[in-house]
Protein backbone atom coordinates (compact mmCIF):
# COMPACT_ATOMS: atom_id res chain seq x y z
CA MET A 1 0.07 -0.17 0.21
CA THR A 2 3.02 2.35 0.41
CA LEU A 3 3.34 2.40 -3.38
CA SER A 4 -0.36 3.16 -3.80
CA LYS A 5 0.05 5.85 -1.44
CA ARG A 6 2.92 7.55 -3.06
CA CYS A 7 1.46 7.18 -6.44
CA MET A 8 -1.71 8.99 -5.52
CA ASP A 9 0.39 11.80 -3.50
CA TRP A 10 2.22 12.37 -6.70
CA VAL A 11 -0.66 12.89 -8.94
CA ILE A 12 -2.24 15.12 -6.18
CA ASN A 13 0.53 17.12 -6.08
CA LEU A 14 0.73 17.50 -9.80
CA MET A 15 -2.77 18.54 -10.02
CA PRO A 16 -3.03 22.36 -9.04
CA TYR A 17 -6.18 22.47 -7.46
CA SER A 18 -6.74 24.21 -4.21
CA ASN A 19 -9.78 25.33 -1.99
CA GLU A 20 -9.78 28.73 -3.79
CA THR A 21 -9.90 27.65 -7.31
CA ARG A 22 -12.63 25.59 -6.52
CA HIS A 23 -14.61 28.24 -5.61
CA LEU A 24 -13.76 30.53 -8.66
CA ARG A 25 -14.99 27.41 -11.05
CA SER A 26 -18.47 27.91 -10.83
CA ILE A 27 -18.40 31.74 -10.93
CA SER A 28 -18.02 33.20 -14.10
CA PHE A 29 -15.48 36.44 -14.11
CA PRO A 30 -18.12 38.97 -15.48
CA GLY A 31 -20.01 37.94 -12.25
CA ILE A 32 -16.50 38.60 -10.18
CA SER A 33 -16.62 42.01 -11.59
CA LEU A 34 -20.16 42.80 -10.71
CA ARG A 35 -19.78 41.77 -7.25
CA LEU A 36 -16.58 43.71 -6.70
CA LEU A 37 -18.10 46.70 -8.54
CA LEU A 38 -20.83 46.73 -6.76
CA SER A 39 -18.88 46.25 -3.46
CA TYR A 40 -16.90 49.05 -4.39
CA LEU A 41 -19.97 51.39 -5.31
CA GLY A 42 -21.43 50.41 -1.94
CA GLY A 43 -18.40 51.46 -0.08
CA MET A 44 -18.32 54.77 -2.08
CA MET A 45 -21.68 55.57 -1.57
CA VAL A 46 -21.51 55.00 2.16
CA VAL A 47 -18.50 57.76 2.34
CA MET A 48 -20.38 59.90 0.02
CA GLY A 49 -23.65 59.71 2.13
CA VAL A 50 -21.77 60.38 5.36
CA SER A 51 -19.98 63.25 3.58
CA MET A 52 -23.14 64.62 2.28
CA VAL A 53 -24.89 64.43 5.66
CA ALA A 54 -22.27 66.08 7.49
CA VAL A 55 -21.78 68.87 5.14
CA TYR A 56 -25.44 69.64 5.32
CA GLN A 57 -25.58 69.38 9.00
CA PHE A 58 -22.72 71.75 9.10
CA PHE A 59 -23.92 74.51 6.54
CA ALA A 60 -27.71 74.20 7.98
CA HIS A 61 -26.00 74.75 11.66
CA SER A 62 -24.16 77.59 10.18
CA LEU A 63 -27.18 79.25 8.85
CA TYR A 64 -28.81 79.00 11.76
CA GLN A 65 -26.48 79.97 14.04
CA GLU A 66 -26.32 83.11 11.62
CA LEU A 67 -30.21 83.77 12.08
CA ASP A 68 -29.86 83.35 15.79
CA GLN A 69 -27.04 86.15 16.37
CA GLU A 70 -29.09 88.50 13.95
CA LEU A 71 -32.26 87.97 16.09
CA ALA A 72 -29.87 88.02 19.41
CA THR A 73 -28.57 91.65 17.98
CA ILE A 74 -32.16 92.63 17.52
CA ALA A 75 -33.23 91.60 21.22
CA ASP A 76 -30.27 93.49 22.41
CA ALA A 77 -31.44 96.72 20.98
CA ALA A 78 -35.09 95.91 22.02
CA LYS A 79 -34.33 95.45 25.66
CA HIS A 80 -34.30 99.36 26.67
CA ASN A 81 -36.97 99.76 24.29
CA GLN A 82 -39.59 97.78 26.57
CA PRO A 83 -42.66 100.08 26.51
CA PRO A 84 -43.27 101.43 29.91
CA LEU A 85 -45.81 100.31 32.68
CA PRO A 86 -48.83 102.62 33.50
CA LYS A 87 -48.40 105.40 35.92
CA GLY A 88 -49.43 104.23 39.59
CA THR A 89 -49.36 100.65 39.01
CA ASP A 90 -46.30 97.89 39.24
CA ARG A 91 -47.85 95.98 36.52
CA PRO A 92 -50.07 96.74 33.40
CA ALA A 93 -53.59 96.20 33.55
CA GLN A 94 -53.71 94.81 30.06
CA ALA A 95 -51.42 94.20 26.80
CA MET A 96 -50.41 97.40 25.26
CA GLY A 97 -50.56 97.08 21.45
CA PRO A 98 -48.14 99.14 18.87
CA GLU A 99 -50.76 102.26 18.82
CA ASN A 100 -50.86 103.20 22.24
CA HIS A 101 -46.80 102.93 23.21
CA GLN A 102 -43.59 104.56 21.78
CA LEU A 103 -40.49 103.18 21.59
CA VAL A 104 -37.95 106.28 22.30
CA LEU A 105 -34.35 105.74 23.27
CA ASP A 106 -32.56 109.01 22.98
CA ASN A 107 -35.18 111.39 23.15
CA ASP A 108 -34.75 112.41 19.25
CA GLY A 109 -38.15 110.81 18.07
CA ASP A 110 -35.62 107.70 16.47
CA LEU A 111 -35.46 104.31 17.28
CA ASP A 112 -32.16 102.77 17.60
CA LEU A 113 -30.73 100.46 15.25
CA PRO A 114 -31.63 97.62 14.43
CA LEU A 115 -35.11 98.25 15.40
CA GLN A 116 -35.67 101.03 12.68
CA ASP A 117 -34.31 98.63 10.03
CA LEU A 118 -36.65 96.03 10.80
CA GLN A 119 -37.09 93.61 7.89
CA THR A 120 -41.17 93.40 6.94
CA ASP A 121 -40.88 89.43 8.13
CA GLN A 122 -39.02 90.04 11.52
CA THR A 123 -41.14 90.73 14.90
CA VAL A 124 -40.50 92.17 18.19
CA GLN A 125 -42.74 91.73 21.06
CA TRP A 126 -42.16 92.95 24.97
CA PHE A 127 -43.72 90.97 27.89
CA THR A 128 -44.01 91.44 31.59
CA PRO A 129 -42.41 88.55 33.50
CA GLU A 130 -45.89 87.14 33.95
CA GLY A 131 -45.79 86.74 30.45
CA GLN A 132 -48.26 89.40 29.47
CA GLU A 133 -47.56 91.12 26.45
CA LEU A 134 -46.97 94.61 26.46
CA GLY A 135 -46.19 95.68 22.70
CA ARG A 136 -44.92 94.72 19.71
CA ILE A 137 -43.61 95.68 16.29
CA GLY A 138 -43.49 94.23 13.03
CA HIS A 139 -45.90 92.41 10.28
CA GLY A 140 -47.39 89.18 11.02
CA ILE A 141 -47.10 88.60 14.55
CA PRO A 142 -46.88 85.03 15.55
CA VAL A 143 -49.70 83.61 17.58
CA ILE A 144 -47.50 81.65 19.65
CA PRO A 145 -47.88 81.12 23.45
CA PHE A 146 -45.27 82.82 25.73
CA ASP A 147 -42.65 80.52 27.12
CA GLN A 148 -40.30 82.43 29.67
CA ALA A 149 -38.31 79.07 29.76
CA ALA A 150 -37.28 79.07 25.81
CA GLN A 151 -34.10 81.12 24.80
CA THR A 152 -34.12 79.68 21.12
CA SER A 153 -37.06 77.52 19.69
CA GLN A 154 -38.56 77.19 16.52
CA GLN A 155 -42.42 76.70 15.59
CA GLY A 156 -43.25 75.76 12.15
CA ASN A 157 -41.51 77.77 9.84
CA LEU A 158 -40.55 80.67 12.65
CA ARG A 159 -37.20 80.91 14.53
CA LEU A 160 -38.15 82.40 18.16
CA LEU A 161 -35.54 84.08 20.46
CA THR A 162 -36.57 84.73 23.89
CA LYS A 163 -34.54 87.28 26.06
CA PRO A 164 -34.99 88.36 29.73
CA ILE A 165 -34.86 92.11 30.36
CA TYR A 166 -33.08 93.36 33.67
CA ARG A 167 -32.87 96.99 34.86
CA LYS A 168 -31.54 98.64 37.99
CA ASN A 169 -33.72 101.02 39.88
CA HIS A 170 -30.52 102.11 41.73
CA PRO A 171 -26.75 101.94 41.22
CA ASP A 172 -26.32 99.89 44.28
CA GLN A 173 -29.39 97.47 44.00
CA ARG A 174 -29.35 94.58 42.15
CA PRO A 175 -30.71 94.16 38.84
CA GLU A 176 -34.74 93.30 38.76
CA LEU A 177 -36.50 91.33 36.19
CA GLN A 178 -38.79 93.86 34.10
CA GLY A 179 -39.80 91.44 31.49
CA TYR A 180 -39.04 89.92 28.24
CA VAL A 181 -38.41 90.38 24.65
CA ARG A 182 -39.07 87.92 22.08
CA VAL A 183 -37.68 88.59 18.89
CA SER A 184 -39.01 85.96 15.47
CA ALA A 185 -38.01 85.60 11.78
CA PRO A 186 -39.15 82.95 9.28
CA ILE A 187 -36.63 80.30 8.15
CA ASP A 188 -38.25 80.21 4.83
CA ASP A 189 -34.87 81.62 3.08
CA ILE A 190 -32.61 79.19 5.10
CA GLN A 191 -35.04 76.20 3.61
CA LYS A 192 -34.77 77.49 0.08
CA GLU A 193 -30.80 77.41 0.71
CA LEU A 194 -31.03 73.82 2.07
CA ASN A 195 -33.23 72.76 -0.78
CA ARG A 196 -31.01 73.97 -3.27
CA LEU A 197 -27.86 72.50 -1.74
CA LEU A 198 -29.81 68.80 -1.75
CA THR A 199 -30.43 69.54 -4.99
CA GLY A 200 -27.15 69.91 -5.96
CA PHE A 201 -26.22 66.71 -3.81
CA THR A 202 -28.48 64.52 -5.77
CA VAL A 203 -27.12 65.78 -8.97
CA GLY A 204 -23.77 66.11 -8.11
CA GLY A 205 -23.95 62.60 -6.61
CA THR A 206 -25.68 60.61 -9.37
CA ILE A 207 -23.06 61.74 -11.96
CA THR A 208 -20.39 61.09 -9.37
CA VAL A 209 -21.71 57.63 -9.04
CA ILE A 210 -21.83 57.28 -12.84
CA LEU A 211 -18.31 58.12 -13.37
CA ILE A 212 -17.03 55.78 -10.49
CA GLY A 213 -19.63 53.02 -11.49
CA THR A 214 -18.10 53.36 -15.21
CA THR A 215 -14.44 53.88 -13.96
CA GLY A 216 -14.74 51.01 -11.30
CA TRP A 217 -16.05 48.46 -13.82
CA TRP A 218 -12.90 49.05 -16.57
CA LEU A 219 -10.52 48.71 -13.60
CA THR A 220 -12.02 45.57 -11.91
CA ARG A 221 -12.34 43.79 -15.73
CA ARG A 222 -8.84 44.85 -16.21
CA SER A 223 -7.52 43.96 -12.55
CA LEU A 224 -9.00 40.55 -13.14
CA LYS A 225 -7.62 39.62 -16.54
CA PRO A 226 -4.46 38.07 -15.25
CA ILE A 227 -6.50 35.89 -12.55
CA GLU A 228 -8.83 34.71 -15.32
CA ARG A 229 -5.77 33.90 -17.79
CA SER A 230 -4.20 32.15 -15.18
CA LEU A 231 -7.12 30.30 -14.11
CA GLN A 232 -7.87 29.02 -17.55
CA GLN A 233 -4.16 27.77 -17.88
CA LEU A 234 -4.60 26.03 -15.06
CA GLN A 235 -7.38 24.15 -15.91
CA GLN A 236 -6.29 23.45 -19.34
CA PHE A 237 -3.10 21.89 -17.66
CA THR A 238 -5.25 19.82 -15.30
CA ALA A 239 -7.34 18.64 -18.26
CA ASP A 240 -4.54 17.79 -20.43
CA ALA A 241 -2.27 16.22 -17.41
CA SER A 242 -5.18 14.39 -16.74
CA HIS A 243 -5.84 12.97 -20.44
CA GLU A 244 -1.98 12.01 -20.97
CA LEU A 245 -1.87 10.23 -17.84
CA ARG A 246 -4.58 7.83 -19.27
CA SER A 247 -2.18 6.42 -21.78
CA PRO A 248 0.89 5.26 -19.45
CA LEU A 249 -1.93 4.12 -17.06
CA THR A 250 -3.47 2.20 -19.70
CA ALA A 251 -0.32 0.47 -20.45
CA ILE A 252 0.41 -0.43 -16.83
CA ARG A 253 -3.14 -1.97 -16.47
CA THR A 254 -2.47 -3.76 -19.75
CA ALA A 255 0.82 -5.01 -18.56
CA ILE A 256 -0.72 -6.06 -15.22
CA ASP A 257 -3.55 -8.01 -17.03
CA VAL A 258 -1.14 -9.74 -18.99
CA MET A 259 1.42 -10.63 -16.19
CA LYS A 260 -1.89 -11.79 -14.50
CA SER A 261 -3.12 -14.19 -17.50
CA HIS A 262 0.37 -15.88 -16.94
CA PRO A 263 0.50 -16.33 -13.63
CA GLU A 264 3.41 -19.14 -14.57
CA ARG A 265 5.86 -16.51 -15.55
CA VAL A 266 5.66 -14.54 -12.48
CA HIS A 267 7.99 -15.39 -9.54
CA PRO A 268 6.63 -16.17 -6.56
CA ALA A 269 8.44 -13.40 -4.58
CA ASN A 270 6.85 -10.66 -7.06
CA VAL A 271 3.05 -11.68 -6.69
CA GLN A 272 2.73 -9.27 -3.87
CA LYS A 273 4.29 -6.56 -5.68
CA LEU A 274 2.36 -7.12 -8.49
CA ALA A 275 -1.13 -6.74 -6.36
CA VAL A 276 0.25 -3.95 -4.94
CA ILE A 277 0.85 -2.24 -8.29
CA ASP A 278 -2.47 -3.26 -9.65
CA ILE A 279 -4.55 -1.77 -6.92
CA ALA A 280 -2.33 1.59 -7.28
CA THR A 281 -2.83 1.53 -10.88
CA ASN A 282 -6.66 1.26 -10.21
CA GLN A 283 -6.99 3.93 -7.90
CA MET A 284 -4.52 6.52 -9.63
CA THR A 285 -7.05 5.44 -13.13
CA HIS A 286 -10.07 6.38 -11.00
CA LEU A 287 -8.19 9.60 -9.56
CA VAL A 288 -7.44 10.70 -13.27
CA GLU A 289 -10.97 9.66 -14.45
CA ASP A 290 -12.17 12.00 -11.61
CA LEU A 291 -9.68 15.07 -12.19
CA LEU A 292 -10.86 14.75 -16.34
CA LEU A 293 -14.14 15.06 -15.33
CA LEU A 294 -13.81 18.04 -13.10
CA ALA A 295 -11.58 19.67 -15.40
CA ARG A 296 -14.25 19.76 -18.48
CA ALA A 297 -16.73 20.69 -15.82
CA ASP A 298 -14.70 23.74 -15.08
CA ALA A 299 -13.93 24.46 -18.53
CA THR A 300 -17.46 24.78 -19.69
CA THR A 301 -20.20 26.54 -18.37
CA GLN A 302 -23.31 25.94 -16.66
CA HIS A 303 -25.95 23.46 -18.61
CA SER A 304 -23.75 22.77 -21.60
CA THR A 305 -22.31 19.61 -20.94
CA ILE A 306 -25.42 17.63 -19.75
CA ALA A 307 -28.06 15.77 -22.39
CA GLN A 308 -31.20 17.66 -22.01
CA ILE A 309 -33.46 14.82 -21.49
CA PRO A 310 -35.68 13.47 -18.82
CA ILE A 311 -34.61 10.95 -16.49
CA PRO A 312 -36.46 8.65 -14.30
CA LEU A 313 -34.92 9.64 -11.21
CA ASP A 314 -37.09 7.43 -9.22
CA GLU A 315 -35.78 4.15 -11.16
CA LEU A 316 -32.33 5.42 -11.23
CA LEU A 317 -32.19 5.20 -7.35
CA GLU A 318 -34.09 1.82 -6.94
CA ASP A 319 -30.94 0.48 -9.27
CA LEU A 320 -28.40 2.00 -6.99
CA VAL A 321 -29.97 0.71 -3.68
CA ASP A 322 -30.22 -2.68 -5.30
CA MET A 323 -26.92 -2.65 -6.87
CA LEU A 324 -25.26 -1.54 -3.25
CA GLN A 325 -27.42 -4.24 -1.53
CA PRO A 326 -24.62 -6.86 -1.62
CA GLN A 327 -21.87 -4.02 -0.12
CA ALA A 328 -24.27 -3.26 2.61
CA GLU A 329 -24.85 -6.40 3.58
CA ALA A 330 -20.99 -7.56 3.84
CA LYS A 331 -20.95 -4.74 6.26
CA ASN A 332 -24.01 -5.49 8.31
CA VAL A 333 -25.62 -1.93 7.15
CA SER A 334 -29.08 -1.56 6.85
CA LEU A 335 -29.75 0.33 3.26
CA HIS A 336 -33.56 1.08 2.22
CA GLY A 337 -34.84 3.16 -0.30
CA GLN A 338 -38.02 5.09 -0.29
CA VAL A 339 -39.49 7.00 -3.67
CA ALA A 340 -42.73 8.75 -3.75
CA GLY A 341 -44.12 7.61 -6.93
CA GLU A 342 -42.31 8.76 -10.58
CA ILE A 343 -40.20 11.46 -10.38
CA TRP A 344 -38.25 12.84 -13.68
CA VAL A 345 -35.51 15.46 -13.93
CA LEU A 346 -33.60 16.97 -16.78
CA GLY A 347 -30.29 15.97 -17.12
CA ASN A 348 -27.59 12.91 -17.96
CA ALA A 349 -28.36 9.77 -16.64
CA GLN A 350 -24.82 8.56 -16.36
CA GLU A 351 -23.96 11.97 -14.25
CA LEU A 352 -27.15 11.52 -11.91
CA GLN A 353 -26.01 8.29 -11.40
CA ARG A 354 -22.38 9.37 -10.53
CA LEU A 355 -24.04 11.75 -8.21
CA PHE A 356 -26.06 9.52 -6.03
CA SER A 357 -23.60 6.64 -6.24
CA ASN A 358 -20.86 8.63 -4.58
CA LEU A 359 -23.17 9.76 -1.91
CA LEU A 360 -24.15 6.34 -1.39
CA ASN A 361 -20.50 4.98 -1.53
CA ASN A 362 -19.44 8.06 1.21
CA ALA A 363 -22.28 6.95 3.44
CA LEU A 364 -21.60 3.24 3.11
CA GLN A 365 -17.86 3.91 3.85
CA TYR A 366 -18.58 6.06 7.51
CA THR A 367 -21.71 4.01 8.73
CA LEU A 368 -20.15 1.24 11.10
CA PRO A 369 -21.76 -2.21 11.33
CA GLY A 370 -25.25 -2.58 12.33
CA GLY A 371 -26.16 1.06 11.13
CA GLN A 372 -28.66 2.33 8.80
CA ILE A 373 -28.76 4.12 5.50
CA GLN A 374 -31.85 5.69 4.19
CA VAL A 375 -32.44 6.97 0.72
CA SER A 376 -35.62 9.10 0.01
CA CYS A 377 -36.99 11.30 -3.15
CA GLY A 378 -39.76 13.36 -3.31
CA ARG A 379 -41.18 16.61 -4.83
CA GLN A 380 -41.06 19.79 -3.12
CA ASP A 381 -42.79 22.52 -5.39
CA SER A 382 -40.73 22.38 -8.56
CA TRP A 383 -37.96 20.97 -6.91
CA VAL A 384 -37.08 17.15 -6.32
CA VAL A 385 -35.23 16.55 -3.28
CA VAL A 386 -33.26 13.73 -2.41
CA GLN A 387 -31.93 12.56 0.74
CA VAL A 388 -29.29 10.19 1.71
CA ALA A 389 -29.41 9.78 5.42
CA ASP A 390 -27.06 7.70 7.78
CA THR A 391 -26.21 6.67 11.08
CA GLY A 392 -22.37 6.99 10.81
CA ILE A 393 -19.76 8.87 12.55
CA GLY A 394 -21.00 12.27 11.49
CA ILE A 395 -18.96 15.44 10.98
CA ALA A 396 -17.82 17.68 13.17
CA PRO A 397 -19.48 21.40 12.85
CA GLN A 398 -16.24 23.31 11.90
CA TYR A 399 -15.58 20.64 9.16
CA LEU A 400 -19.17 21.03 7.46
CA GLY A 401 -17.87 23.95 5.09
CA LYS A 402 -15.06 21.45 4.03
CA VAL A 403 -16.65 18.37 2.94
CA PHE A 404 -17.25 19.47 -0.59
CA ASP A 405 -13.29 20.72 -1.01
CA ARG A 406 -11.00 18.79 -3.44
CA PHE A 407 -8.72 16.24 -1.90
CA TRP A 408 -9.94 17.70 1.75
CA ARG A 409 -8.71 15.15 4.52
CA ALA A 410 -8.40 17.63 7.41
CA GLU A 411 -10.80 15.61 9.69
CA PRO A 412 -8.65 12.21 11.22
CA SER A 413 -11.86 10.50 11.61
CA ARG A 414 -12.48 10.70 8.30
CA SER A 415 -9.35 10.07 7.22
CA ARG A 416 -9.06 6.36 7.64
CA ARG A 417 -10.21 5.49 4.17
CA SER A 418 -7.60 4.15 1.90
CA GLN A 419 -9.08 3.22 -1.15
CA GLY A 420 -10.83 7.03 -1.81
CA THR A 421 -9.30 9.84 -3.73
CA GLY A 422 -11.04 12.72 -1.96
CA LEU A 423 -13.04 13.50 -4.73
CA GLY A 424 -16.31 12.05 -4.70
CA LEU A 425 -18.41 14.82 -2.86
CA ALA A 426 -16.66 17.46 -4.72
CA ILE A 427 -17.71 15.65 -8.00
CA ALA A 428 -21.16 14.96 -6.64
CA GLN A 429 -21.45 18.80 -6.02
CA THR A 430 -20.09 20.08 -9.85
CA ILE A 431 -22.89 17.49 -11.21
CA ALA A 432 -25.53 18.79 -8.97
CA GLN A 433 -24.60 22.74 -9.87
CA THR A 434 -24.01 21.53 -13.99
CA HIS A 435 -27.74 20.40 -13.35
CA SER A 436 -28.95 23.55 -11.74
CA GLY A 437 -29.42 22.08 -8.54
CA LYS A 438 -27.58 22.49 -5.23
CA ILE A 439 -26.46 19.73 -2.32
CA ILE A 440 -26.28 20.35 1.32
CA VAL A 441 -25.12 18.79 4.05
CA LYS A 442 -26.35 18.47 7.70
CA SER A 443 -24.62 16.30 10.14
CA GLN A 444 -23.83 15.33 13.79
CA LEU A 445 -20.89 13.69 15.41
CA GLY A 446 -21.95 10.28 16.82
CA VAL A 447 -25.51 10.65 15.06
CA GLY A 448 -25.08 10.73 11.40
CA SER A 449 -25.24 12.61 8.39
CA ILE A 450 -27.76 13.80 5.94
CA PHE A 451 -26.65 14.75 2.38
CA GLN A 452 -29.64 16.75 0.45
CA VAL A 453 -29.97 17.11 -3.32
CA SER A 454 -32.35 19.48 -4.90
CA LEU A 455 -32.92 19.34 -8.78
CA PRO A 456 -35.27 21.30 -10.84
CA ALA A 457 -38.61 18.64 -11.51
CA VAL A 458 -40.10 17.84 -15.06
CA SER A 459 -42.74 16.38 -16.33
CA LYS A 460 -42.37 13.07 -18.23
CA LYS A 461 -43.59 14.83 -21.20
CA GLU A 462 -40.95 17.43 -21.62
């Protein structure tokens, strides 16, 4: 067996397959380019979005801060223009309107700036400490309840600023609260500026995304071309090497058959060596055939290698179960099949037989004597679902994502197999994918495994 293992290691090292190339074989490079482009665009759009939000918030904060400073300037000037209280009372009996008070500061009949330059949409209101209105100036006075706790607030489209008024009746006394002044102005102009900013962001962002997308698509396609060329060369090498290895293996196989047909010409001391060479040759032949099948699948597009004919999957599975019954009985394993009526799929009978044969042989290999293997088949909506369930040794959760890798032998519990090539499950997955299907595995250590294959269902007439 040492010669067998050395030969297999030599062939495996010769075939430059890895887990990374296994994933690339089922994905077209235009698809990879699209994924890279979408990822790049997604990242750029996130960066642009965050930047636009930051710029918008900064711009809006600056505009509102500028408006608040203007309102504060008006409020400071309006503090010493508070309408006087009626004589003989500490508080006015009722609010005084603009028709019965005069806003005079310097006894020159003129209002201090900026009150005399109030814009038409700005208003000033004075209130007593209790919140009773004393007077007002401006147009469109807002009908908003007075809130002495609010300093800067916003009501609808109005920006409000409220400030208290303190005065000293005597230089030595503490300032006393005389009332409040409230200044308001609409924010329509600010909203217009912000809307224009959003329009600019929308137009500019759209143009930027288009330019980035076009440039990104060109860059991704250009950067993937060397990888695509290398993968094509790798696939071609694998196919050529597998094909060329068939000739010397056939010659060795023929020589062994000739020697076995004339045992009298073989020295007794070389009989055991001849048996070892025979086993190694058989294993290498199977390995080369498996590699050639995978190389052909890698080099072709999906659906292009299968014969588009209806296949009675129920009969195919029943034949496989009957064929493997002797092996199951020899190992004291119970093998049963359960098929729900006629089941038809579109594909290649030889490849489908290879798919489920690999799954059943895998289940037989890792199911201990006294265990069970159940094959079930049925329709679920527009899919045919086949399950191969065993009560074998199971697979650890950390290895479930690797069971379909080529030549995978990472788990010691599943490495005791001496005659396998490590390509059975990889071939099963490849065949399922070329038939527009998928294969998944569920497993638990010490309980068993379930391999589920889903294929598109068709009617017999198709």
